[in-house]
PDB file of all heavy atoms in Angstrom:
ATOM      1  N   LYS A   1     162.335 -67.790 -78.868  1.00  0.00           N
ATOM      2  CA  LYS A   1     162.549 -68.613 -77.672  1.00  0.00           C
ATOM      3  C   LYS A   1     161.924 -67.967 -76.441  1.00  0.00           C
ATOM      4  O   LYS A   1     161.251 -68.622 -75.642  1.00  0.00           O
ATOM      5  CB  LYS A   1     164.042 -68.823 -77.437  1.00  0.00           C
ATOM      6  CG  LYS A   1     164.671 -69.904 -78.271  1.00  0.00           C
ATOM      7  CD  LYS A   1     166.151 -69.995 -77.944  1.00  0.00           C
ATOM      8  CE  LYS A   1     166.853 -71.025 -78.791  1.00  0.00           C
ATOM      9  NZ  LYS A   1     168.310 -71.079 -78.497  1.00  0.00           N
ATOM     10  N   LYS A   2     162.190 -66.642 -76.279  1.00  0.00           N
ATOM     11  CA  LYS A   2     161.647 -65.905 -75.143  1.00  0.00           C
ATOM     12  C   LYS A   2     160.120 -65.928 -75.144  1.00  0.00           C
ATOM     13  O   LYS A   2     159.485 -66.143 -74.106  1.00  0.00           O
ATOM     14  CB  LYS A   2     162.148 -64.456 -75.163  1.00  0.00           C
ATOM     15  CG  LYS A   2     163.591 -64.295 -74.716  1.00  0.00           C
ATOM     16  CD  LYS A   2     164.028 -62.845 -74.820  1.00  0.00           C
ATOM     17  CE  LYS A   2     165.502 -62.666 -74.398  1.00  0.00           C
ATOM     18  NZ  LYS A   2     165.939 -61.262 -74.515  1.00  0.00           N
ATOM     19  N   ALA A   3     159.560 -65.661 -76.321  1.00  0.00           N
ATOM     20  CA  ALA A   3     158.094 -65.657 -76.449  1.00  0.00           C
ATOM     21  C   ALA A   3     157.506 -67.025 -76.132  1.00  0.00           C
ATOM     22  O   ALA A   3     156.481 -67.130 -75.445  1.00  0.00           O
ATOM     23  CB  ALA A   3     157.708 -65.221 -77.862  1.00  0.00           C
ATOM     24  N   ILE A   4     158.171 -68.063 -76.639  1.00  0.00           N
ATOM     25  CA  ILE A   4     157.707 -69.435 -76.382  1.00  0.00           C
ATOM     26  C   ILE A   4     157.796 -69.770 -74.896  1.00  0.00           C
ATOM     27  O   ILE A   4     156.895 -70.388 -74.332  1.00  0.00           O
ATOM     28  CB  ILE A   4     158.502 -70.445 -77.234  1.00  0.00           C
ATOM     29  CG1 ILE A   4     158.112 -70.304 -78.716  1.00  0.00           C
ATOM     30  CG2 ILE A   4     158.266 -71.870 -76.767  1.00  0.00           C
ATOM     31  CD1 ILE A   4     159.157 -70.849 -79.684  1.00  0.00           C
ATOM     32  N   LYS A   5     158.916 -69.362 -74.254  1.00  0.00           N
ATOM     33  CA  LYS A   5     159.086 -69.600 -72.821  1.00  0.00           C
ATOM     34  C   LYS A   5     158.001 -68.919 -72.003  1.00  0.00           C
ATOM     35  O   LYS A   5     157.459 -69.486 -71.060  1.00  0.00           O
ATOM     36  CB  LYS A   5     160.464 -69.115 -72.369  1.00  0.00           C
ATOM     37  CG  LYS A   5     161.594 -70.087 -72.698  1.00  0.00           C
ATOM     38  CD  LYS A   5     162.923 -69.532 -72.237  1.00  0.00           C
ATOM     39  CE  LYS A   5     164.057 -70.518 -72.565  1.00  0.00           C
ATOM     40  NZ  LYS A   5     165.385 -69.972 -72.132  1.00  0.00           N
ATOM     41  N   LYS A   6     157.711 -67.640 -72.362  1.00  0.00           N
ATOM     42  CA  LYS A   6     156.656 -66.893 -71.677  1.00  0.00           C
ATOM     43  C   LYS A   6     155.310 -67.585 -71.809  1.00  0.00           C
ATOM     44  O   LYS A   6     154.554 -67.716 -70.844  1.00  0.00           O
ATOM     45  CB  LYS A   6     156.571 -65.471 -72.246  1.00  0.00           C
ATOM     46  CG  LYS A   6     157.654 -64.542 -71.727  1.00  0.00           C
ATOM     47  CD  LYS A   6     157.493 -63.156 -72.334  1.00  0.00           C
ATOM     48  CE  LYS A   6     158.585 -62.195 -71.844  1.00  0.00           C
ATOM     49  NZ  LYS A   6     158.442 -60.849 -72.449  1.00  0.00           N
ATOM     50  N   GLU A   7     155.021 -67.987 -73.034  1.00  0.00           N
ATOM     51  CA  GLU A   7     153.758 -68.671 -73.300  1.00  0.00           C
ATOM     52  C   GLU A   7     153.664 -69.984 -72.513  1.00  0.00           C
ATOM     53  O   GLU A   7     152.617 -70.299 -71.947  1.00  0.00           O
ATOM     54  CB  GLU A   7     153.613 -68.949 -74.799  1.00  0.00           C
ATOM     55  CG  GLU A   7     152.197 -69.330 -75.203  1.00  0.00           C
ATOM     56  CD  GLU A   7     152.017 -69.489 -76.694  1.00  0.00           C
ATOM     57  OE1 GLU A   7     152.987 -69.292 -77.451  1.00  0.00           O
ATOM     58  OE2 GLU A   7     150.898 -69.807 -77.101  1.00  0.00           O
ATOM     59  N   ARG A   8     154.783 -70.717 -72.473  1.00  0.00           N
ATOM     60  CA  ARG A   8     154.819 -71.975 -71.725  1.00  0.00           C
ATOM     61  C   ARG A   8     154.609 -71.743 -70.230  1.00  0.00           C
ATOM     62  O   ARG A   8     153.899 -72.495 -69.570  1.00  0.00           O
ATOM     63  CB  ARG A   8     156.144 -72.694 -71.956  1.00  0.00           C
ATOM     64  CG  ARG A   8     156.218 -73.414 -73.291  1.00  0.00           C
ATOM     65  CD  ARG A   8     157.587 -73.999 -73.511  1.00  0.00           C
ATOM     66  NE  ARG A   8     157.678 -74.678 -74.796  1.00  0.00           N
ATOM     67  CZ  ARG A   8     158.821 -75.151 -75.306  1.00  0.00           C
ATOM     68  NH1 ARG A   8     159.967 -75.000 -74.630  1.00  0.00           N
ATOM     69  NH2 ARG A   8     158.810 -75.762 -76.490  1.00  0.00           N
ATOM     70  N   LYS A   9     155.267 -70.673 -69.691  1.00  0.00           N
ATOM     71  CA  LYS A   9     155.110 -70.329 -68.281  1.00  0.00           C
ATOM     72  C   LYS A   9     153.658 -69.999 -67.953  1.00  0.00           C
ATOM     73  O   LYS A   9     153.123 -70.416 -66.928  1.00  0.00           O
ATOM     74  CB  LYS A   9     156.005 -69.150 -67.917  1.00  0.00           C
ATOM     75  CG  LYS A   9     157.466 -69.536 -67.694  1.00  0.00           C
ATOM     76  CD  LYS A   9     158.303 -68.320 -67.368  1.00  0.00           C
ATOM     77  CE  LYS A   9     159.775 -68.713 -67.151  1.00  0.00           C
ATOM     78  NZ  LYS A   9     160.610 -67.515 -66.850  1.00  0.00           N
ATOM     79  N   LYS A  10     153.046 -69.189 -68.846  1.00  0.00           N
ATOM     80  CA  LYS A  10     151.642 -68.826 -68.666  1.00  0.00           C
ATOM     81  C   LYS A  10     150.746 -70.062 -68.675  1.00  0.00           C
ATOM     82  O   LYS A  10     149.840 -70.189 -67.850  1.00  0.00           O
ATOM     83  CB  LYS A  10     151.203 -67.857 -69.763  1.00  0.00           C
ATOM     84  CG  LYS A  10     151.687 -66.436 -69.547  1.00  0.00           C
ATOM     85  CD  LYS A  10     151.207 -65.539 -70.681  1.00  0.00           C
ATOM     86  CE  LYS A  10     151.705 -64.097 -70.484  1.00  0.00           C
ATOM     87  NZ  LYS A  10     151.240 -63.219 -71.599  1.00  0.00           N
ATOM     88  N   LYS A  11     151.022 -70.933 -69.625  1.00  0.00           N
ATOM     89  CA  LYS A  11     150.245 -72.172 -69.728  1.00  0.00           C
ATOM     90  C   LYS A  11     150.411 -73.032 -68.485  1.00  0.00           C
ATOM     91  O   LYS A  11     149.439 -73.605 -67.983  1.00  0.00           O
ATOM     92  CB  LYS A  11     150.662 -72.959 -70.967  1.00  0.00           C
ATOM     93  CG  LYS A  11     150.094 -72.399 -72.256  1.00  0.00           C
ATOM     94  CD  LYS A  11     150.558 -73.223 -73.439  1.00  0.00           C
ATOM     95  CE  LYS A  11     149.960 -72.685 -74.729  1.00  0.00           C
ATOM     96  NZ  LYS A  11     150.421 -73.477 -75.916  1.00  0.00           N
ATOM     97  N   LYS A  12     151.673 -73.128 -67.997  1.00  0.00           N
ATOM     98  CA  LYS A  12     151.940 -73.903 -66.786  1.00  0.00           C
ATOM     99  C   LYS A  12     151.196 -73.339 -65.584  1.00  0.00           C
ATOM    100  O   LYS A  12     150.619 -74.067 -64.789  1.00  0.00           O
ATOM    101  CB  LYS A  12     153.441 -73.927 -66.501  1.00  0.00           C
ATOM    102  CG  LYS A  12     154.208 -74.934 -67.347  1.00  0.00           C
ATOM    103  CD  LYS A  12     155.679 -74.894 -67.013  1.00  0.00           C
ATOM    104  CE  LYS A  12     156.450 -75.912 -67.862  1.00  0.00           C
ATOM    105  NZ  LYS A  12     157.906 -75.880 -67.543  1.00  0.00           N
ATOM    106  N   LYS A  13     151.235 -71.981 -65.450  1.00  0.00           N
ATOM    107  CA  LYS A  13     150.524 -71.327 -64.352  1.00  0.00           C
ATOM    108  C   LYS A  13     149.026 -71.591 -64.438  1.00  0.00           C
ATOM    109  O   LYS A  13     148.375 -71.862 -63.422  1.00  0.00           O
ATOM    110  CB  LYS A  13     150.799 -69.822 -64.374  1.00  0.00           C
ATOM    111  CG  LYS A  13     152.172 -69.446 -63.831  1.00  0.00           C
ATOM    112  CD  LYS A  13     152.383 -67.945 -63.900  1.00  0.00           C
ATOM    113  CE  LYS A  13     153.769 -67.552 -63.353  1.00  0.00           C
ATOM    114  NZ  LYS A  13     153.990 -66.084 -63.437  1.00  0.00           N
ATOM    115  N   ALA A  14     148.501 -71.438 -65.664  1.00  0.00           N
ATOM    116  CA  ALA A  14     147.069 -71.691 -65.877  1.00  0.00           C
ATOM    117  C   ALA A  14     146.706 -73.126 -65.542  1.00  0.00           C
ATOM    118  O   ALA A  14     145.673 -73.387 -64.909  1.00  0.00           O
ATOM    119  CB  ALA A  14     146.706 -71.370 -67.325  1.00  0.00           C
ATOM    120  N   LYS A  15     147.591 -74.060 -65.960  1.00  0.00           N
ATOM    121  CA  LYS A  15     147.354 -75.476 -65.664  1.00  0.00           C
ATOM    122  C   LYS A  15     147.376 -75.739 -64.168  1.00  0.00           C
ATOM    123  O   LYS A  15     146.564 -76.486 -63.638  1.00  0.00           O
ATOM    124  CB  LYS A  15     148.402 -76.340 -66.361  1.00  0.00           C
ATOM    125  CG  LYS A  15     148.119 -76.561 -67.836  1.00  0.00           C
ATOM    126  CD  LYS A  15     149.201 -77.421 -68.454  1.00  0.00           C
ATOM    127  CE  LYS A  15     148.916 -77.654 -69.934  1.00  0.00           C
ATOM    128  NZ  LYS A  15     149.999 -78.495 -70.550  1.00  0.00           N
ATOM    129  N   LYS A  16     148.369 -75.110 -63.485  1.00  0.00           N
ATOM    130  CA  LYS A  16     148.474 -75.276 -62.041  1.00  0.00           C
ATOM    131  C   LYS A  16     147.228 -74.756 -61.331  1.00  0.00           C
ATOM    132  O   LYS A  16     146.718 -75.381 -60.407  1.00  0.00           O
ATOM    133  CB  LYS A  16     149.708 -74.535 -61.517  1.00  0.00           C
ATOM    134  CG  LYS A  16     151.011 -75.304 -61.725  1.00  0.00           C
ATOM    135  CD  LYS A  16     152.184 -74.520 -61.187  1.00  0.00           C
ATOM    136  CE  LYS A  16     153.490 -75.289 -61.402  1.00  0.00           C
ATOM    137  NZ  LYS A  16     154.660 -74.516 -60.887  1.00  0.00           N
ATOM    138  N   LYS A  17     146.752 -73.553 -61.775  1.00  0.00           N
ATOM    139  CA  LYS A  17     145.544 -72.980 -61.197  1.00  0.00           C
ATOM    140  C   LYS A  17     144.340 -73.895 -61.402  1.00  0.00           C
ATOM    141  O   LYS A  17     143.547 -74.113 -60.485  1.00  0.00           O
ATOM    142  CB  LYS A  17     145.269 -71.601 -61.810  1.00  0.00           C
ATOM    143  CG  LYS A  17     146.155 -70.499 -61.243  1.00  0.00           C
ATOM    144  CD  LYS A  17     145.832 -69.166 -61.900  1.00  0.00           C
ATOM    145  CE  LYS A  17     146.720 -68.046 -61.344  1.00  0.00           C
ATOM    146  NZ  LYS A  17     146.422 -66.750 -61.983  1.00  0.00           N
ATOM    147  N   LYS A  18     144.231 -74.393 -62.622  1.00  0.00           N
ATOM    148  CA  LYS A  18     143.139 -75.321 -62.938  1.00  0.00           C
ATOM    149  C   LYS A  18     143.220 -76.576 -62.087  1.00  0.00           C
ATOM    150  O   LYS A  18     142.202 -77.050 -61.564  1.00  0.00           O
ATOM    151  CB  LYS A  18     143.176 -75.694 -64.418  1.00  0.00           C
ATOM    152  CG  LYS A  18     142.591 -74.629 -65.326  1.00  0.00           C
ATOM    153  CD  LYS A  18     142.639 -75.102 -66.775  1.00  0.00           C
ATOM    154  CE  LYS A  18     142.059 -74.045 -67.706  1.00  0.00           C
ATOM    155  NZ  LYS A  18     142.115 -74.505 -69.129  1.00  0.00           N
ATOM    156  N   ALA A  19     144.455 -77.094 -61.978  1.00  0.00           N
ATOM    157  CA  ALA A  19     144.658 -78.306 -61.169  1.00  0.00           C
ATOM    158  C   ALA A  19     144.303 -78.066 -59.708  1.00  0.00           C
ATOM    159  O   ALA A  19     143.669 -78.911 -59.071  1.00  0.00           O
ATOM    160  CB  ALA A  19     146.116 -78.760 -61.285  1.00  0.00           C
ATOM    161  N   GLN A  20     144.720 -76.881 -59.173  1.00  0.00           N
ATOM    162  CA  GLN A  20     144.389 -76.533 -57.799  1.00  0.00           C
ATOM    163  C   GLN A  20     142.887 -76.421 -57.584  1.00  0.00           C
ATOM    164  O   GLN A  20     142.348 -76.888 -56.579  1.00  0.00           O
ATOM    165  CB  GLN A  20     145.076 -75.222 -57.406  1.00  0.00           C
ATOM    166  CG  GLN A  20     146.574 -75.377 -57.122  1.00  0.00           C
ATOM    167  CD  GLN A  20     147.251 -74.066 -56.828  1.00  0.00           C
ATOM    168  OE1 GLN A  20     146.659 -73.001 -56.948  1.00  0.00           O
ATOM    169  NE2 GLN A  20     148.515 -74.111 -56.447  1.00  0.00           N
ATOM    170  N   LYS A  21     142.239 -75.732 -58.537  1.00  0.00           N
ATOM    171  CA  LYS A  21     140.786 -75.591 -58.466  1.00  0.00           C
ATOM    172  C   LYS A  21     140.091 -76.948 -58.497  1.00  0.00           C
ATOM    173  O   LYS A  21     139.141 -77.190 -57.749  1.00  0.00           O
ATOM    174  CB  LYS A  21     140.285 -74.727 -59.625  1.00  0.00           C
ATOM    175  CG  LYS A  21     140.532 -73.241 -59.412  1.00  0.00           C
ATOM    176  CD  LYS A  21     140.033 -72.445 -60.613  1.00  0.00           C
ATOM    177  CE  LYS A  21     140.276 -70.950 -60.409  1.00  0.00           C
ATOM    178  NZ  LYS A  21     139.791 -70.160 -61.576  1.00  0.00           N
ATOM    179  N   LYS A  22     140.583 -77.807 -59.367  1.00  0.00           N
ATOM    180  CA  LYS A  22     140.021 -79.158 -59.469  1.00  0.00           C
ATOM    181  C   LYS A  22     140.197 -79.925 -58.171  1.00  0.00           C
ATOM    182  O   LYS A  22     139.283 -80.604 -57.707  1.00  0.00           O
ATOM    183  CB  LYS A  22     140.679 -79.916 -60.620  1.00  0.00           C
ATOM    184  CG  LYS A  22     140.136 -79.537 -61.988  1.00  0.00           C
ATOM    185  CD  LYS A  22     140.837 -80.347 -63.066  1.00  0.00           C
ATOM    186  CE  LYS A  22     140.280 -79.980 -64.440  1.00  0.00           C
ATOM    187  NZ  LYS A  22     140.966 -80.767 -65.512  1.00  0.00           N
ATOM    188  N   LYS A  23     141.429 -79.804 -57.591  1.00  0.00           N
ATOM    189  CA  LYS A  23     141.705 -80.479 -56.323  1.00  0.00           C
ATOM    190  C   LYS A  23     140.780 -79.983 -55.216  1.00  0.00           C
ATOM    191  O   LYS A  23     140.253 -80.766 -54.428  1.00  0.00           O
ATOM    192  CB  LYS A  23     143.160 -80.251 -55.919  1.00  0.00           C
ATOM    193  CG  LYS A  23     144.144 -81.138 -56.664  1.00  0.00           C
ATOM    194  CD  LYS A  23     145.559 -80.855 -56.216  1.00  0.00           C
ATOM    195  CE  LYS A  23     146.557 -81.740 -56.960  1.00  0.00           C
ATOM    196  NZ  LYS A  23     147.956 -81.462 -56.530  1.00  0.00           N
ATOM    197  N   GLU A  24     140.633 -78.623 -55.151  1.00  0.00           N
ATOM    198  CA  GLU A  24     139.748 -78.041 -54.152  1.00  0.00           C
ATOM    199  C   GLU A  24     138.304 -78.499 -54.345  1.00  0.00           C
ATOM    200  O   GLU A  24     137.604 -78.806 -53.373  1.00  0.00           O
ATOM    201  CB  GLU A  24     139.829 -76.516 -54.225  1.00  0.00           C
ATOM    202  CG  GLU A  24     141.122 -75.949 -53.621  1.00  0.00           C
ATOM    203  CD  GLU A  24     141.235 -74.446 -53.792  1.00  0.00           C
ATOM    204  OE1 GLU A  24     140.319 -73.848 -54.405  1.00  0.00           O
ATOM    205  OE2 GLU A  24     142.240 -73.865 -53.333  1.00  0.00           O
ATOM    206  N   ALA A  25     137.888 -78.489 -55.610  1.00  0.00           N
ATOM    207  CA  ALA A  25     136.533 -78.945 -55.923  1.00  0.00           C
ATOM    208  C   ALA A  25     136.331 -80.397 -55.516  1.00  0.00           C
ATOM    209  O   ALA A  25     135.296 -80.762 -54.947  1.00  0.00           O
ATOM    210  CB  ALA A  25     136.255 -78.769 -57.415  1.00  0.00           C
ATOM    211  N   LYS A  26     137.354 -81.235 -55.802  1.00  0.00           N
ATOM    212  CA  LYS A  26     137.293 -82.648 -55.432  1.00  0.00           C
ATOM    213  C   LYS A  26     137.221 -82.823 -53.923  1.00  0.00           C
ATOM    214  O   LYS A  26     136.456 -83.640 -53.414  1.00  0.00           O
ATOM    215  CB  LYS A  26     138.507 -83.392 -55.979  1.00  0.00           C
ATOM    216  CG  LYS A  26     138.404 -83.718 -57.463  1.00  0.00           C
ATOM    217  CD  LYS A  26     139.649 -84.450 -57.925  1.00  0.00           C
ATOM    218  CE  LYS A  26     139.544 -84.794 -59.411  1.00  0.00           C
ATOM    219  NZ  LYS A  26     140.776 -85.505 -59.874  1.00  0.00           N
ATOM    220  N   LYS A  27     138.063 -82.026 -53.209  1.00  0.00           N
ATOM    221  CA  LYS A  27     138.063 -82.084 -51.750  1.00  0.00           C
ATOM    222  C   LYS A  27     136.694 -81.702 -51.186  1.00  0.00           C
ATOM    223  O   LYS A  27     136.185 -82.341 -50.265  1.00  0.00           O
ATOM    224  CB  LYS A  27     139.133 -81.157 -51.192  1.00  0.00           C
ATOM    225  CG  LYS A  27     140.541 -81.722 -51.270  1.00  0.00           C
ATOM    226  CD  LYS A  27     141.543 -80.732 -50.698  1.00  0.00           C
ATOM    227  CE  LYS A  27     142.967 -81.291 -50.784  1.00  0.00           C
ATOM    228  NZ  LYS A  27     143.961 -80.312 -50.232  1.00  0.00           N
ATOM    229  N   ASN A  28     136.142 -80.592 -51.731  1.00  0.00           N
ATOM    230  CA  ASN A  28     134.817 -80.144 -51.284  1.00  0.00           C
ATOM    231  C   ASN A  28     133.752 -81.203 -51.541  1.00  0.00           C
ATOM    232  O   ASN A  28     132.890 -81.440 -50.693  1.00  0.00           O
ATOM    233  CB  ASN A  28     134.440 -78.844 -51.988  1.00  0.00           C
ATOM    234  CG  ASN A  28     135.278 -77.662 -51.536  1.00  0.00           C
ATOM    235  OD1 ASN A  28     135.668 -77.589 -50.359  1.00  0.00           O
ATOM    236  ND2 ASN A  28     135.554 -76.736 -52.429  1.00  0.00           N
ATOM    237  N   LYS A  29     133.820 -81.813 -52.710  1.00  0.00           N
ATOM    238  CA  LYS A  29     132.877 -82.879 -53.058  1.00  0.00           C
ATOM    239  C   LYS A  29     132.999 -84.056 -52.108  1.00  0.00           C
ATOM    240  O   LYS A  29     132.005 -84.607 -51.649  1.00  0.00           O
ATOM    241  CB  LYS A  29     133.115 -83.343 -54.495  1.00  0.00           C
ATOM    242  CG  LYS A  29     132.501 -82.426 -55.538  1.00  0.00           C
ATOM    243  CD  LYS A  29     132.762 -82.975 -56.934  1.00  0.00           C
ATOM    244  CE  LYS A  29     132.145 -82.070 -57.988  1.00  0.00           C
ATOM    245  NZ  LYS A  29     132.401 -82.612 -59.350  1.00  0.00           N
ATOM    246  N   LYS A  30     134.274 -84.428 -51.828  1.00  0.00           N
ATOM    247  CA  LYS A  30     134.514 -85.541 -50.917  1.00  0.00           C
ATOM    248  C   LYS A  30     133.981 -85.243 -49.524  1.00  0.00           C
ATOM    249  O   LYS A  30     133.375 -86.103 -48.881  1.00  0.00           O
ATOM    250  CB  LYS A  30     136.013 -85.835 -50.847  1.00  0.00           C
ATOM    251  CG  LYS A  30     136.533 -86.607 -52.053  1.00  0.00           C
ATOM    252  CD  LYS A  30     138.026 -86.846 -51.919  1.00  0.00           C
ATOM    253  CE  LYS A  30     138.551 -87.630 -53.124  1.00  0.00           C
ATOM    254  NZ  LYS A  30     140.018 -87.876 -52.989  1.00  0.00           N
ATOM    255  N   ALA A  31     134.245 -83.969 -49.046  1.00  0.00           N
ATOM    256  CA  ALA A  31     133.755 -83.560 -47.717  1.00  0.00           C
ATOM    257  C   ALA A  31     132.234 -83.604 -47.655  1.00  0.00           C
ATOM    258  O   ALA A  31     131.652 -84.080 -46.665  1.00  0.00           O
ATOM    259  CB  ALA A  31     134.257 -82.152 -47.399  1.00  0.00           C
ATOM    260  N   LYS A  32     131.593 -83.096 -48.716  1.00  0.00           N
ATOM    261  CA  LYS A  32     130.133 -83.116 -48.784  1.00  0.00           C
ATOM    262  C   LYS A  32     129.594 -84.546 -48.788  1.00  0.00           C
ATOM    263  O   LYS A  32     128.612 -84.847 -48.114  1.00  0.00           O
ATOM    264  CB  LYS A  32     129.663 -82.376 -50.040  1.00  0.00           C
ATOM    265  CG  LYS A  32     129.742 -80.866 -49.907  1.00  0.00           C
ATOM    266  CD  LYS A  32     129.303 -80.193 -51.197  1.00  0.00           C
ATOM    267  CE  LYS A  32     129.392 -78.665 -51.083  1.00  0.00           C
ATOM    268  NZ  LYS A  32     128.971 -78.011 -52.351  1.00  0.00           N
ATOM    269  N   LYS A  33     130.263 -85.377 -49.561  1.00  0.00           N
ATOM    270  CA  LYS A  33     129.858 -86.788 -49.637  1.00  0.00           C
ATOM    271  C   LYS A  33     129.988 -87.470 -48.283  1.00  0.00           C
ATOM    272  O   LYS A  33     129.123 -88.241 -47.873  1.00  0.00           O
ATOM    273  CB  LYS A  33     130.697 -87.525 -50.680  1.00  0.00           C
ATOM    274  CG  LYS A  33     130.245 -87.277 -52.104  1.00  0.00           C
ATOM    275  CD  LYS A  33     131.132 -88.049 -53.068  1.00  0.00           C
ATOM    276  CE  LYS A  33     130.680 -87.819 -54.506  1.00  0.00           C
ATOM    277  NZ  LYS A  33     131.556 -88.571 -55.453  1.00  0.00           N
ATOM    278  N   LYS A  34     131.123 -87.171 -47.579  1.00  0.00           N
ATOM    279  CA  LYS A  34     131.348 -87.755 -46.258  1.00  0.00           C
ATOM    280  C   LYS A  34     130.253 -87.337 -45.281  1.00  0.00           C
ATOM    281  O   LYS A  34     129.748 -88.148 -44.515  1.00  0.00           O
ATOM    282  CB  LYS A  34     132.718 -87.321 -45.725  1.00  0.00           C
ATOM    283  CG  LYS A  34     133.871 -88.121 -46.310  1.00  0.00           C
ATOM    284  CD  LYS A  34     135.183 -87.647 -45.729  1.00  0.00           C
ATOM    285  CE  LYS A  34     136.355 -88.453 -46.310  1.00  0.00           C
ATOM    286  NZ  LYS A  34     137.655 -87.989 -45.751  1.00  0.00           N
TER     287      LYS A  34
END
């Protein structure tokens, strides 16, 4: 259970980082387009 929880937390953090990066990239693209 502990190992699974740790792995899930890591995955969530990685997903959040990816999502943030994607959002930033999208924002930058939108700004450039504007």
